[in-house]
N, C-alpha and C. Protein backbone atom coordinates (compact mmCIF):
# COMPACT_ATOMS: atom_id res chain seq x y z
N MET A 1 69.82 113.53 49.96
CA MET A 1 70.80 113.79 51.02
C MET A 1 71.90 114.71 50.47
N PRO A 2 72.26 115.77 51.20
CA PRO A 2 73.31 116.68 50.72
C PRO A 2 74.64 115.96 50.53
N ALA A 3 75.43 116.47 49.59
CA ALA A 3 76.72 115.84 49.28
C ALA A 3 77.75 116.04 50.39
N PHE A 4 77.61 117.14 51.15
CA PHE A 4 78.61 117.47 52.17
C PHE A 4 77.91 117.72 53.50
N LEU A 5 78.51 117.23 54.56
CA LEU A 5 77.98 117.51 55.89
C LEU A 5 78.15 118.99 56.22
N ASP A 6 79.36 119.50 56.04
CA ASP A 6 79.66 120.90 56.32
C ASP A 6 80.90 121.28 55.52
N ARG A 7 81.45 122.47 55.76
CA ARG A 7 82.62 122.91 55.00
C ARG A 7 83.84 122.04 55.28
N LEU A 8 83.98 121.59 56.52
CA LEU A 8 85.11 120.72 56.85
C LEU A 8 85.05 119.43 56.04
N ASP A 9 83.88 118.83 55.97
CA ASP A 9 83.71 117.61 55.19
C ASP A 9 84.00 117.86 53.72
N ALA A 10 83.50 118.96 53.18
CA ALA A 10 83.74 119.29 51.77
C ALA A 10 85.23 119.46 51.51
N ALA A 11 85.91 120.15 52.42
CA ALA A 11 87.35 120.38 52.26
C ALA A 11 88.13 119.08 52.32
N GLN A 12 87.74 118.19 53.22
CA GLN A 12 88.43 116.91 53.33
C GLN A 12 88.23 116.07 52.08
N GLN A 13 87.04 116.14 51.49
CA GLN A 13 86.81 115.42 50.23
C GLN A 13 87.66 116.01 49.11
N LEU A 14 87.78 117.33 49.07
CA LEU A 14 88.65 117.95 48.07
C LEU A 14 90.11 117.53 48.26
N ALA A 15 90.56 117.56 49.51
CA ALA A 15 91.96 117.25 49.81
C ALA A 15 92.29 115.80 49.46
N ALA A 16 91.30 114.92 49.56
CA ALA A 16 91.54 113.50 49.29
C ALA A 16 91.41 113.14 47.82
N HIS A 17 90.94 114.07 47.01
CA HIS A 17 90.67 113.78 45.60
C HIS A 17 91.97 113.71 44.80
N PRO A 18 92.15 112.66 43.98
CA PRO A 18 93.33 112.63 43.10
C PRO A 18 93.26 113.83 42.15
N SER A 19 94.29 114.63 42.15
CA SER A 19 94.22 115.88 41.41
C SER A 19 95.61 116.38 41.07
N PRO A 20 95.69 117.43 40.25
CA PRO A 20 96.99 118.01 39.92
C PRO A 20 97.54 118.94 41.00
N LEU A 21 96.88 119.05 42.14
CA LEU A 21 97.26 120.05 43.13
C LEU A 21 98.66 119.81 43.69
N ARG A 22 99.07 118.55 43.75
CA ARG A 22 100.32 118.24 44.43
C ARG A 22 101.54 118.29 43.52
N HIS A 23 101.36 118.68 42.28
CA HIS A 23 102.46 118.70 41.33
C HIS A 23 102.86 120.13 41.02
N GLY A 24 104.13 120.33 40.70
CA GLY A 24 104.59 121.66 40.35
C GLY A 24 105.34 122.31 41.49
N PRO A 25 105.68 123.60 41.33
CA PRO A 25 106.47 124.29 42.35
C PRO A 25 105.68 124.51 43.63
N ALA A 26 106.41 124.90 44.67
CA ALA A 26 105.77 125.18 45.95
C ALA A 26 104.64 126.18 45.78
N GLY A 27 103.59 126.01 46.57
CA GLY A 27 102.39 126.79 46.32
C GLY A 27 101.89 127.59 47.50
N VAL A 28 100.82 128.33 47.21
CA VAL A 28 100.11 129.15 48.18
C VAL A 28 98.62 128.88 47.98
N VAL A 29 97.90 128.70 49.07
CA VAL A 29 96.44 128.58 49.01
C VAL A 29 95.83 129.94 49.31
N LEU A 30 94.94 130.40 48.44
CA LEU A 30 94.21 131.64 48.64
C LEU A 30 92.73 131.32 48.81
N ALA A 31 92.15 131.75 49.91
CA ALA A 31 90.76 131.47 50.21
C ALA A 31 89.93 132.74 50.15
N VAL A 32 88.72 132.62 49.59
CA VAL A 32 87.79 133.74 49.55
C VAL A 32 87.05 133.80 50.88
N PRO A 33 87.19 134.89 51.63
CA PRO A 33 86.48 134.97 52.91
C PRO A 33 85.01 135.35 52.70
N ARG A 34 84.12 134.88 53.59
CA ARG A 34 84.54 134.14 54.76
C ARG A 34 84.44 132.63 54.56
N GLY A 35 83.45 132.18 53.80
CA GLY A 35 83.17 130.75 53.71
C GLY A 35 84.26 129.92 53.10
N GLY A 36 85.12 130.53 52.28
CA GLY A 36 86.19 129.76 51.68
C GLY A 36 87.36 129.48 52.60
N VAL A 37 87.44 130.19 53.72
CA VAL A 37 88.61 130.05 54.59
C VAL A 37 88.66 128.68 55.28
N PRO A 38 87.55 128.13 55.80
CA PRO A 38 87.64 126.77 56.34
C PRO A 38 88.06 125.74 55.29
N ILE A 39 87.64 125.93 54.05
CA ILE A 39 88.06 125.05 52.96
C ILE A 39 89.57 125.21 52.74
N GLY A 40 90.00 126.46 52.63
CA GLY A 40 91.41 126.73 52.37
C GLY A 40 92.32 126.23 53.47
N ALA A 41 91.87 126.31 54.72
CA ALA A 41 92.70 125.87 55.83
C ALA A 41 93.00 124.37 55.74
N VAL A 42 91.99 123.58 55.39
CA VAL A 42 92.19 122.14 55.25
C VAL A 42 93.11 121.83 54.08
N LEU A 43 92.90 122.50 52.95
CA LEU A 43 93.75 122.26 51.78
C LEU A 43 95.19 122.68 52.05
N ALA A 44 95.37 123.81 52.72
CA ALA A 44 96.73 124.28 53.04
C ALA A 44 97.45 123.26 53.93
N ARG A 45 96.73 122.75 54.91
CA ARG A 45 97.34 121.76 55.81
C ARG A 45 97.68 120.47 55.06
N ALA A 46 96.78 120.03 54.17
CA ALA A 46 97.02 118.79 53.43
C ALA A 46 98.20 118.92 52.47
N LEU A 47 98.34 120.10 51.87
CA LEU A 47 99.40 120.31 50.89
C LEU A 47 100.71 120.77 51.51
N GLY A 48 100.65 121.26 52.76
CA GLY A 48 101.83 121.83 53.38
C GLY A 48 102.17 123.20 52.82
N TRP A 49 101.15 123.92 52.36
CA TRP A 49 101.33 125.25 51.78
C TRP A 49 100.80 126.31 52.74
N PRO A 50 101.31 127.54 52.67
CA PRO A 50 100.75 128.62 53.49
C PRO A 50 99.38 129.06 52.96
N LEU A 51 98.62 129.67 53.85
CA LEU A 51 97.26 130.13 53.53
C LEU A 51 97.21 131.65 53.58
N ASP A 52 96.57 132.24 52.59
CA ASP A 52 96.34 133.68 52.57
C ASP A 52 94.93 133.93 52.05
N LEU A 53 94.54 135.19 52.01
CA LEU A 53 93.19 135.56 51.59
C LEU A 53 93.17 136.09 50.17
N ALA A 54 92.08 135.79 49.46
CA ALA A 54 91.80 136.38 48.15
C ALA A 54 90.68 137.39 48.35
N LEU A 55 91.04 138.65 48.41
CA LEU A 55 90.07 139.72 48.68
C LEU A 55 89.80 140.49 47.39
N THR A 56 88.58 140.41 46.92
CA THR A 56 88.16 141.08 45.70
C THR A 56 86.74 141.59 45.90
N LYS A 57 86.45 142.75 45.33
CA LYS A 57 85.09 143.29 45.42
C LYS A 57 84.71 143.93 44.10
N LYS A 58 83.44 143.81 43.76
CA LYS A 58 82.98 144.30 42.45
C LYS A 58 82.98 145.82 42.38
N ILE A 59 83.12 146.33 41.16
CA ILE A 59 82.86 147.73 40.84
C ILE A 59 81.45 147.79 40.25
N GLY A 60 80.60 148.60 40.82
CA GLY A 60 79.24 148.74 40.31
C GLY A 60 79.16 149.82 39.23
N HIS A 61 78.19 149.66 38.34
CA HIS A 61 77.98 150.67 37.30
C HIS A 61 77.47 151.96 37.95
N PRO A 62 77.90 153.13 37.48
CA PRO A 62 77.46 154.39 38.11
C PRO A 62 75.94 154.58 38.09
N ASP A 63 75.25 154.01 37.10
CA ASP A 63 73.79 154.15 37.03
C ASP A 63 73.05 152.99 37.69
N ASN A 64 73.78 151.93 38.04
CA ASN A 64 73.17 150.76 38.67
C ASN A 64 74.22 150.05 39.50
N PRO A 65 74.40 150.45 40.75
CA PRO A 65 75.49 149.91 41.58
C PRO A 65 75.46 148.39 41.75
N GLU A 66 74.28 147.77 41.58
CA GLU A 66 74.20 146.32 41.72
C GLU A 66 74.75 145.58 40.51
N LEU A 67 74.91 146.28 39.40
CA LEU A 67 75.43 145.67 38.18
C LEU A 67 76.96 145.70 38.22
N ALA A 68 77.57 144.53 38.28
CA ALA A 68 79.03 144.45 38.36
C ALA A 68 79.64 144.71 36.98
N VAL A 69 80.54 145.68 36.92
CA VAL A 69 81.20 146.01 35.66
C VAL A 69 82.72 145.83 35.76
N GLY A 70 83.18 145.37 36.89
CA GLY A 70 84.60 145.14 37.10
C GLY A 70 84.83 144.70 38.53
N ALA A 71 86.09 144.63 38.91
CA ALA A 71 86.43 144.21 40.26
C ALA A 71 87.76 144.82 40.67
N VAL A 72 87.93 144.95 41.97
CA VAL A 72 89.14 145.55 42.55
C VAL A 72 89.75 144.58 43.55
N SER A 73 91.07 144.49 43.55
CA SER A 73 91.80 143.81 44.61
C SER A 73 92.75 144.83 45.22
N ALA A 74 93.53 144.39 46.21
CA ALA A 74 94.48 145.31 46.83
C ALA A 74 95.54 145.76 45.84
N GLY A 75 95.78 144.94 44.81
CA GLY A 75 96.88 145.25 43.90
C GLY A 75 96.48 145.73 42.52
N GLY A 76 95.19 145.77 42.20
CA GLY A 76 94.82 146.19 40.86
C GLY A 76 93.32 146.15 40.66
N TYR A 77 92.90 146.33 39.40
CA TYR A 77 91.48 146.22 39.08
C TYR A 77 91.32 145.75 37.65
N VAL A 78 90.14 145.20 37.36
CA VAL A 78 89.80 144.78 36.00
C VAL A 78 88.41 145.30 35.69
N LEU A 79 88.17 145.58 34.39
CA LEU A 79 86.86 146.01 33.92
C LEU A 79 86.37 145.03 32.86
N GLU A 80 85.06 144.98 32.70
CA GLU A 80 84.50 144.18 31.62
C GLU A 80 85.03 144.70 30.28
N PRO A 81 85.35 143.81 29.35
CA PRO A 81 85.92 144.24 28.06
C PRO A 81 85.00 145.23 27.33
N GLY A 82 85.61 146.27 26.76
CA GLY A 82 84.87 147.23 25.97
C GLY A 82 84.06 148.23 26.76
N LEU A 83 84.17 148.18 28.07
CA LEU A 83 83.35 149.07 28.91
C LEU A 83 84.09 150.38 29.17
N TYR A 84 83.35 151.48 29.09
CA TYR A 84 83.92 152.79 29.44
C TYR A 84 83.27 153.30 30.71
N LEU A 85 84.09 153.73 31.65
CA LEU A 85 83.61 154.42 32.85
C LEU A 85 84.32 155.76 32.94
N PRO A 86 83.63 156.81 33.38
CA PRO A 86 84.29 158.11 33.56
C PRO A 86 85.51 157.98 34.48
N ASP A 87 86.58 158.65 34.12
CA ASP A 87 87.83 158.52 34.87
C ASP A 87 87.67 158.88 36.34
N ASP A 88 86.89 159.94 36.63
CA ASP A 88 86.76 160.35 38.02
C ASP A 88 85.97 159.32 38.83
N TYR A 89 84.94 158.73 38.21
CA TYR A 89 84.16 157.70 38.89
C TYR A 89 85.02 156.47 39.15
N LEU A 90 85.78 156.04 38.13
CA LEU A 90 86.61 154.85 38.27
C LEU A 90 87.67 155.05 39.36
N ALA A 91 88.34 156.20 39.34
CA ALA A 91 89.38 156.45 40.34
C ALA A 91 88.81 156.47 41.75
N ALA A 92 87.63 157.09 41.91
CA ALA A 92 87.02 157.17 43.23
C ALA A 92 86.59 155.79 43.72
N GLU A 93 85.98 154.99 42.83
CA GLU A 93 85.51 153.66 43.21
C GLU A 93 86.68 152.73 43.54
N VAL A 94 87.71 152.76 42.71
CA VAL A 94 88.87 151.90 42.97
C VAL A 94 89.51 152.28 44.31
N GLY A 95 89.66 153.57 44.57
CA GLY A 95 90.24 154.01 45.83
C GLY A 95 89.40 153.62 47.03
N ARG A 96 88.08 153.80 46.91
CA ARG A 96 87.18 153.47 48.02
C ARG A 96 87.18 151.97 48.30
N ILE A 97 87.06 151.18 47.25
CA ILE A 97 86.99 149.72 47.43
C ILE A 97 88.33 149.18 47.94
N ARG A 98 89.43 149.70 47.40
CA ARG A 98 90.73 149.22 47.86
C ARG A 98 90.92 149.51 49.34
N ALA A 99 90.48 150.67 49.81
CA ALA A 99 90.59 150.99 51.23
C ALA A 99 89.75 150.01 52.07
N GLU A 100 88.56 149.65 51.58
CA GLU A 100 87.72 148.67 52.28
C GLU A 100 88.42 147.32 52.37
N LEU A 101 89.02 146.90 51.25
CA LEU A 101 89.69 145.60 51.23
C LEU A 101 90.90 145.58 52.16
N LEU A 102 91.66 146.65 52.16
CA LEU A 102 92.83 146.71 53.04
C LEU A 102 92.41 146.69 54.51
N ALA A 103 91.31 147.39 54.82
CA ALA A 103 90.81 147.38 56.20
C ALA A 103 90.34 145.99 56.59
N ARG A 104 89.70 145.31 55.65
CA ARG A 104 89.21 143.95 55.94
C ARG A 104 90.38 143.00 56.14
N ARG A 105 91.41 143.13 55.30
CA ARG A 105 92.58 142.28 55.47
C ARG A 105 93.23 142.52 56.84
N GLN A 106 93.35 143.79 57.21
CA GLN A 106 93.96 144.11 58.49
C GLN A 106 93.14 143.53 59.64
N ALA A 107 91.81 143.53 59.51
CA ALA A 107 90.96 142.98 60.56
C ALA A 107 91.20 141.48 60.73
N TYR A 108 91.54 140.79 59.65
CA TYR A 108 91.78 139.36 59.72
C TYR A 108 93.23 139.00 60.00
N LEU A 109 94.17 139.77 59.44
CA LEU A 109 95.57 139.37 59.45
C LEU A 109 96.51 140.40 60.06
N GLY A 110 95.96 141.48 60.60
CA GLY A 110 96.82 142.50 61.17
C GLY A 110 97.71 143.12 60.11
N GLU A 111 98.98 143.27 60.43
CA GLU A 111 99.92 143.92 59.51
C GLU A 111 100.66 142.93 58.61
N ARG A 112 100.25 141.67 58.60
CA ARG A 112 100.94 140.68 57.78
C ARG A 112 100.84 141.02 56.30
N GLU A 113 101.97 141.02 55.63
CA GLU A 113 102.00 141.33 54.20
C GLU A 113 101.44 140.16 53.39
N PRO A 114 100.81 140.44 52.25
CA PRO A 114 100.36 139.34 51.38
C PRO A 114 101.53 138.48 50.94
N LEU A 115 101.28 137.19 50.81
CA LEU A 115 102.33 136.28 50.38
C LEU A 115 102.68 136.53 48.91
N PRO A 116 103.96 136.47 48.55
CA PRO A 116 104.33 136.64 47.14
C PRO A 116 103.83 135.46 46.31
N LEU A 117 103.36 135.76 45.10
CA LEU A 117 102.76 134.73 44.25
C LEU A 117 103.55 134.48 42.97
N THR A 118 104.44 135.36 42.61
CA THR A 118 105.20 135.20 41.37
C THR A 118 106.00 133.90 41.40
N GLY A 119 105.83 133.09 40.35
CA GLY A 119 106.56 131.84 40.25
C GLY A 119 106.02 130.72 41.10
N LYS A 120 104.92 130.96 41.82
CA LYS A 120 104.33 129.95 42.70
C LYS A 120 103.15 129.26 42.02
N THR A 121 102.81 128.08 42.52
CA THR A 121 101.52 127.48 42.21
C THR A 121 100.50 128.10 43.16
N VAL A 122 99.46 128.72 42.62
CA VAL A 122 98.45 129.39 43.43
C VAL A 122 97.14 128.63 43.32
N LEU A 123 96.62 128.23 44.46
CA LEU A 123 95.35 127.50 44.52
C LEU A 123 94.29 128.40 45.12
N LEU A 124 93.29 128.74 44.34
CA LEU A 124 92.19 129.60 44.77
C LEU A 124 91.01 128.72 45.15
N THR A 125 90.40 128.99 46.31
CA THR A 125 89.30 128.14 46.74
C THR A 125 88.20 128.95 47.41
N ASP A 126 86.99 128.38 47.36
CA ASP A 126 85.82 128.92 48.03
C ASP A 126 84.92 127.74 48.38
N ASP A 127 83.83 128.00 49.12
CA ASP A 127 82.97 126.89 49.52
C ASP A 127 81.96 126.51 48.44
N GLY A 128 81.95 127.23 47.34
CA GLY A 128 81.07 126.92 46.22
C GLY A 128 81.02 128.10 45.27
N VAL A 129 80.49 127.85 44.08
CA VAL A 129 80.44 128.89 43.04
C VAL A 129 79.03 128.92 42.45
N ALA A 130 78.38 130.07 42.58
CA ALA A 130 77.04 130.23 42.02
C ALA A 130 77.11 130.89 40.64
N THR A 131 77.52 132.16 40.59
CA THR A 131 77.63 132.86 39.30
C THR A 131 79.04 132.81 38.73
N GLY A 132 80.03 132.71 39.61
CA GLY A 132 81.42 132.70 39.18
C GLY A 132 82.03 134.08 38.99
N HIS A 133 81.24 135.14 39.18
CA HIS A 133 81.76 136.48 38.90
C HIS A 133 82.97 136.81 39.77
N THR A 134 82.86 136.55 41.07
CA THR A 134 83.96 136.90 41.98
C THR A 134 85.22 136.13 41.64
N LEU A 135 85.08 134.82 41.41
CA LEU A 135 86.27 134.02 41.12
C LEU A 135 86.87 134.38 39.76
N ARG A 136 86.05 134.68 38.77
CA ARG A 136 86.60 135.08 37.47
C ARG A 136 87.44 136.34 37.60
N ALA A 137 86.89 137.34 38.29
CA ALA A 137 87.64 138.58 38.47
C ALA A 137 88.90 138.34 39.28
N THR A 138 88.80 137.50 40.30
CA THR A 138 89.98 137.21 41.12
C THR A 138 91.05 136.51 40.31
N LEU A 139 90.67 135.57 39.46
CA LEU A 139 91.64 134.88 38.62
C LEU A 139 92.34 135.85 37.67
N GLU A 140 91.59 136.76 37.09
CA GLU A 140 92.21 137.75 36.19
C GLU A 140 93.22 138.60 36.93
N LEU A 141 92.87 139.02 38.14
CA LEU A 141 93.78 139.85 38.92
C LEU A 141 94.99 139.05 39.40
N LEU A 142 94.79 137.79 39.75
CA LEU A 142 95.91 136.96 40.19
C LEU A 142 96.88 136.69 39.04
N ARG A 143 96.37 136.53 37.85
CA ARG A 143 97.23 136.23 36.70
C ARG A 143 98.25 137.34 36.47
N GLU A 144 97.88 138.57 36.84
CA GLU A 144 98.80 139.70 36.67
C GLU A 144 100.03 139.58 37.57
N GLN A 145 99.94 138.74 38.61
CA GLN A 145 101.08 138.56 39.51
C GLN A 145 102.02 137.44 39.05
N ARG A 146 101.77 136.88 37.89
CA ARG A 146 102.64 135.91 37.22
C ARG A 146 102.93 134.66 38.05
N PRO A 147 101.88 133.99 38.53
CA PRO A 147 102.12 132.70 39.18
C PRO A 147 102.57 131.67 38.15
N ALA A 148 103.27 130.64 38.61
CA ALA A 148 103.67 129.57 37.69
C ALA A 148 102.46 128.79 37.21
N ARG A 149 101.54 128.51 38.13
CA ARG A 149 100.28 127.83 37.79
C ARG A 149 99.18 128.45 38.63
N LEU A 150 97.99 128.50 38.06
CA LEU A 150 96.84 129.08 38.73
C LEU A 150 95.73 128.03 38.73
N LEU A 151 95.40 127.54 39.92
CA LEU A 151 94.45 126.44 40.08
C LEU A 151 93.23 126.90 40.86
N VAL A 152 92.12 126.22 40.64
CA VAL A 152 90.89 126.46 41.39
C VAL A 152 90.41 125.12 41.94
N ALA A 153 90.00 125.11 43.21
CA ALA A 153 89.42 123.90 43.80
C ALA A 153 88.19 124.32 44.61
N VAL A 154 87.04 123.78 44.25
CA VAL A 154 85.79 124.09 44.95
C VAL A 154 84.98 122.81 45.10
N PRO A 155 84.19 122.71 46.16
CA PRO A 155 83.37 121.50 46.32
C PRO A 155 82.23 121.41 45.30
N VAL A 156 81.57 122.54 45.01
CA VAL A 156 80.38 122.51 44.17
C VAL A 156 80.29 123.81 43.38
N ALA A 157 79.74 123.71 42.16
CA ALA A 157 79.60 124.90 41.32
C ALA A 157 78.43 124.70 40.37
N ALA A 158 77.81 125.81 39.99
CA ALA A 158 76.84 125.77 38.90
C ALA A 158 77.58 125.44 37.61
N PRO A 159 77.02 124.59 36.76
CA PRO A 159 77.73 124.18 35.55
C PRO A 159 78.20 125.35 34.68
N ALA A 160 77.35 126.35 34.49
CA ALA A 160 77.74 127.48 33.65
C ALA A 160 78.89 128.26 34.27
N ALA A 161 78.85 128.41 35.59
CA ALA A 161 79.94 129.12 36.27
C ALA A 161 81.24 128.34 36.15
N LEU A 162 81.15 127.03 36.27
CA LEU A 162 82.34 126.19 36.16
C LEU A 162 82.98 126.33 34.78
N VAL A 163 82.16 126.31 33.75
CA VAL A 163 82.67 126.46 32.38
C VAL A 163 83.36 127.82 32.22
N SER A 164 82.80 128.85 32.84
CA SER A 164 83.37 130.20 32.68
C SER A 164 84.72 130.34 33.38
N LEU A 165 85.00 129.50 34.38
CA LEU A 165 86.27 129.57 35.09
C LEU A 165 87.40 128.87 34.34
N GLN A 166 87.06 127.86 33.58
CA GLN A 166 88.09 126.98 33.00
C GLN A 166 89.08 127.69 32.09
N PRO A 167 88.68 128.66 31.27
CA PRO A 167 89.70 129.33 30.43
C PRO A 167 90.67 130.21 31.22
N LEU A 168 90.31 130.54 32.46
CA LEU A 168 91.11 131.48 33.25
C LEU A 168 92.10 130.78 34.18
N ALA A 169 91.94 129.49 34.36
CA ALA A 169 92.80 128.73 35.29
C ALA A 169 93.52 127.63 34.53
N ASP A 170 94.65 127.21 35.06
CA ASP A 170 95.38 126.10 34.45
C ASP A 170 94.69 124.77 34.75
N GLU A 171 94.09 124.66 35.92
CA GLU A 171 93.33 123.46 36.30
C GLU A 171 92.17 123.89 37.19
N VAL A 172 91.03 123.23 37.04
CA VAL A 172 89.88 123.46 37.91
C VAL A 172 89.43 122.11 38.45
N LEU A 173 89.41 121.99 39.78
CA LEU A 173 88.91 120.80 40.44
C LEU A 173 87.58 121.14 41.10
N CYS A 174 86.53 120.47 40.68
CA CYS A 174 85.20 120.68 41.27
C CYS A 174 84.58 119.31 41.47
N LEU A 175 84.15 119.02 42.69
CA LEU A 175 83.62 117.70 43.00
C LEU A 175 82.21 117.49 42.47
N LEU A 176 81.45 118.57 42.34
CA LEU A 176 80.03 118.44 42.02
C LEU A 176 79.57 119.64 41.21
N ALA A 177 78.96 119.39 40.03
CA ALA A 177 78.40 120.46 39.20
C ALA A 177 77.01 120.02 38.74
N PRO A 178 76.04 120.01 39.63
CA PRO A 178 74.72 119.45 39.32
C PRO A 178 73.95 120.31 38.31
N PRO A 179 73.29 119.70 37.35
CA PRO A 179 72.54 120.48 36.35
C PRO A 179 71.37 121.25 36.94
N ASP A 180 70.86 120.81 38.09
CA ASP A 180 69.74 121.51 38.72
C ASP A 180 70.21 122.44 39.84
N PHE A 181 71.46 122.89 39.77
CA PHE A 181 72.02 123.78 40.79
C PHE A 181 71.12 125.00 41.00
N ARG A 182 70.86 125.31 42.28
CA ARG A 182 70.10 126.51 42.63
C ARG A 182 70.88 127.43 43.57
N ALA A 183 71.56 126.84 44.55
CA ALA A 183 72.33 127.63 45.52
C ALA A 183 73.38 126.74 46.15
N VAL A 184 74.50 127.33 46.55
CA VAL A 184 75.59 126.56 47.15
C VAL A 184 75.12 125.82 48.39
N GLY A 185 74.34 126.48 49.23
CA GLY A 185 73.95 125.91 50.51
C GLY A 185 73.12 124.65 50.42
N GLN A 186 72.46 124.41 49.29
CA GLN A 186 71.60 123.23 49.20
C GLN A 186 72.40 121.93 49.18
N TYR A 187 73.71 122.01 48.96
CA TYR A 187 74.54 120.81 48.88
C TYR A 187 75.28 120.54 50.19
N TYR A 188 74.96 121.32 51.21
CA TYR A 188 75.52 121.13 52.55
C TYR A 188 74.39 120.84 53.53
N ALA A 189 74.60 119.86 54.41
CA ALA A 189 73.63 119.61 55.46
C ALA A 189 73.66 120.73 56.50
N TYR A 190 74.85 121.28 56.69
CA TYR A 190 75.04 122.33 57.71
C TYR A 190 75.83 123.45 57.06
N PHE A 191 75.18 124.61 56.85
CA PHE A 191 75.80 125.68 56.07
C PHE A 191 75.55 127.03 56.72
N ARG A 192 75.92 127.14 57.98
CA ARG A 192 75.77 128.44 58.63
C ARG A 192 76.88 129.38 58.18
N GLN A 193 76.70 130.66 58.42
CA GLN A 193 77.69 131.65 58.02
C GLN A 193 78.96 131.50 58.85
N THR A 194 80.10 131.53 58.19
CA THR A 194 81.38 131.54 58.88
C THR A 194 81.58 132.90 59.54
N THR A 195 82.00 132.92 60.79
CA THR A 195 82.16 134.18 61.50
C THR A 195 83.55 134.76 61.27
N ASP A 196 83.69 136.05 61.55
CA ASP A 196 85.00 136.70 61.44
C ASP A 196 86.01 136.05 62.38
N GLU A 197 85.59 135.68 63.57
CA GLU A 197 86.51 135.06 64.52
C GLU A 197 86.96 133.69 64.02
N GLU A 198 86.08 132.95 63.38
CA GLU A 198 86.47 131.66 62.81
C GLU A 198 87.49 131.84 61.69
N VAL A 199 87.33 132.90 60.91
CA VAL A 199 88.32 133.21 59.87
C VAL A 199 89.67 133.50 60.50
N ARG A 200 89.68 134.36 61.52
CA ARG A 200 90.94 134.70 62.17
C ARG A 200 91.60 133.47 62.80
N GLN A 201 90.79 132.62 63.43
CA GLN A 201 91.33 131.42 64.06
C GLN A 201 91.94 130.48 63.03
N ALA A 202 91.25 130.28 61.91
CA ALA A 202 91.78 129.41 60.86
C ALA A 202 93.08 129.95 60.30
N LEU A 203 93.16 131.25 60.12
CA LEU A 203 94.38 131.86 59.60
C LEU A 203 95.53 131.75 60.61
N ARG A 204 95.22 131.94 61.90
CA ARG A 204 96.26 131.79 62.93
C ARG A 204 96.80 130.36 62.94
N GLU A 205 95.89 129.39 62.90
CA GLU A 205 96.32 127.99 62.95
C GLU A 205 97.12 127.62 61.70
N ALA A 206 96.68 128.11 60.54
CA ALA A 206 97.41 127.82 59.31
C ALA A 206 98.80 128.46 59.35
N GLY A 207 98.88 129.68 59.90
CA GLY A 207 100.17 130.35 60.01
C GLY A 207 101.11 129.62 60.93
N ALA A 208 100.58 129.12 62.05
CA ALA A 208 101.41 128.37 62.99
C ALA A 208 101.89 127.06 62.37
N ALA A 209 101.00 126.40 61.62
CA ALA A 209 101.38 125.14 60.98
C ALA A 209 102.46 125.36 59.93
N ALA A 210 102.32 126.45 59.15
CA ALA A 210 103.32 126.74 58.12
C ALA A 210 104.67 127.08 58.74
N THR A 211 104.65 127.81 59.86
CA THR A 211 105.90 128.15 60.55
C THR A 211 106.58 126.89 61.08
N GLY A 212 105.76 126.00 61.66
CA GLY A 212 106.31 124.76 62.19
C GLY A 212 106.91 123.89 61.10
N ALA A 213 106.24 123.84 59.94
CA ALA A 213 106.76 123.03 58.83
C ALA A 213 108.07 123.60 58.32
N THR A 214 108.17 124.93 58.26
CA THR A 214 109.40 125.57 57.79
C THR A 214 110.55 125.30 58.74
N GLU A 215 110.28 125.39 60.04
CA GLU A 215 111.33 125.17 61.03
C GLU A 215 111.78 123.72 61.06
N ALA A 216 110.83 122.81 60.78
CA ALA A 216 111.18 121.39 60.77
C ALA A 216 112.08 121.05 59.58
């Protein structure tokens, strides 16, 4: 029997877990779209923190675009250690990917500016971790914004991926790391793709909840 009924169930189990999430300075929840947003919305509501998106995309090798050699966010980029890429290729790829990420953010959040992270507790979440490449790159890029603490919370992860995340975060909360891990979806009874409209709706509701909490 799968460990989680759906993303909502997984998020509720994460939110109920005794963890370091509730300690430290005021925080921000960052969710990896699309599947991480339903998880992030529940965690943000439980913690009373605002919700934002963690948008990162890989840089492919010029001779093999499927081979990830780095990653780009709206605010920076990272490369694999010791790797050299031609300056013109790197500049073009970073510019192209950053434009894609900004367009995607605008599609979900309109003109809303990213939440400031300096001095905050930042909680990064997704619906599961298979290779860990995206989250590792995202953590490296987030660290450059000088958060007070950088946390990860996921329902399920491959053991090797989980180990690779731990040196990059101050705390990692993972409910399940099965040795026979094959794919994230196998641990959910219901694992359909999250739609763009569901992402927008979750972000709207989280924004309204955060505004209400601030006014109260």
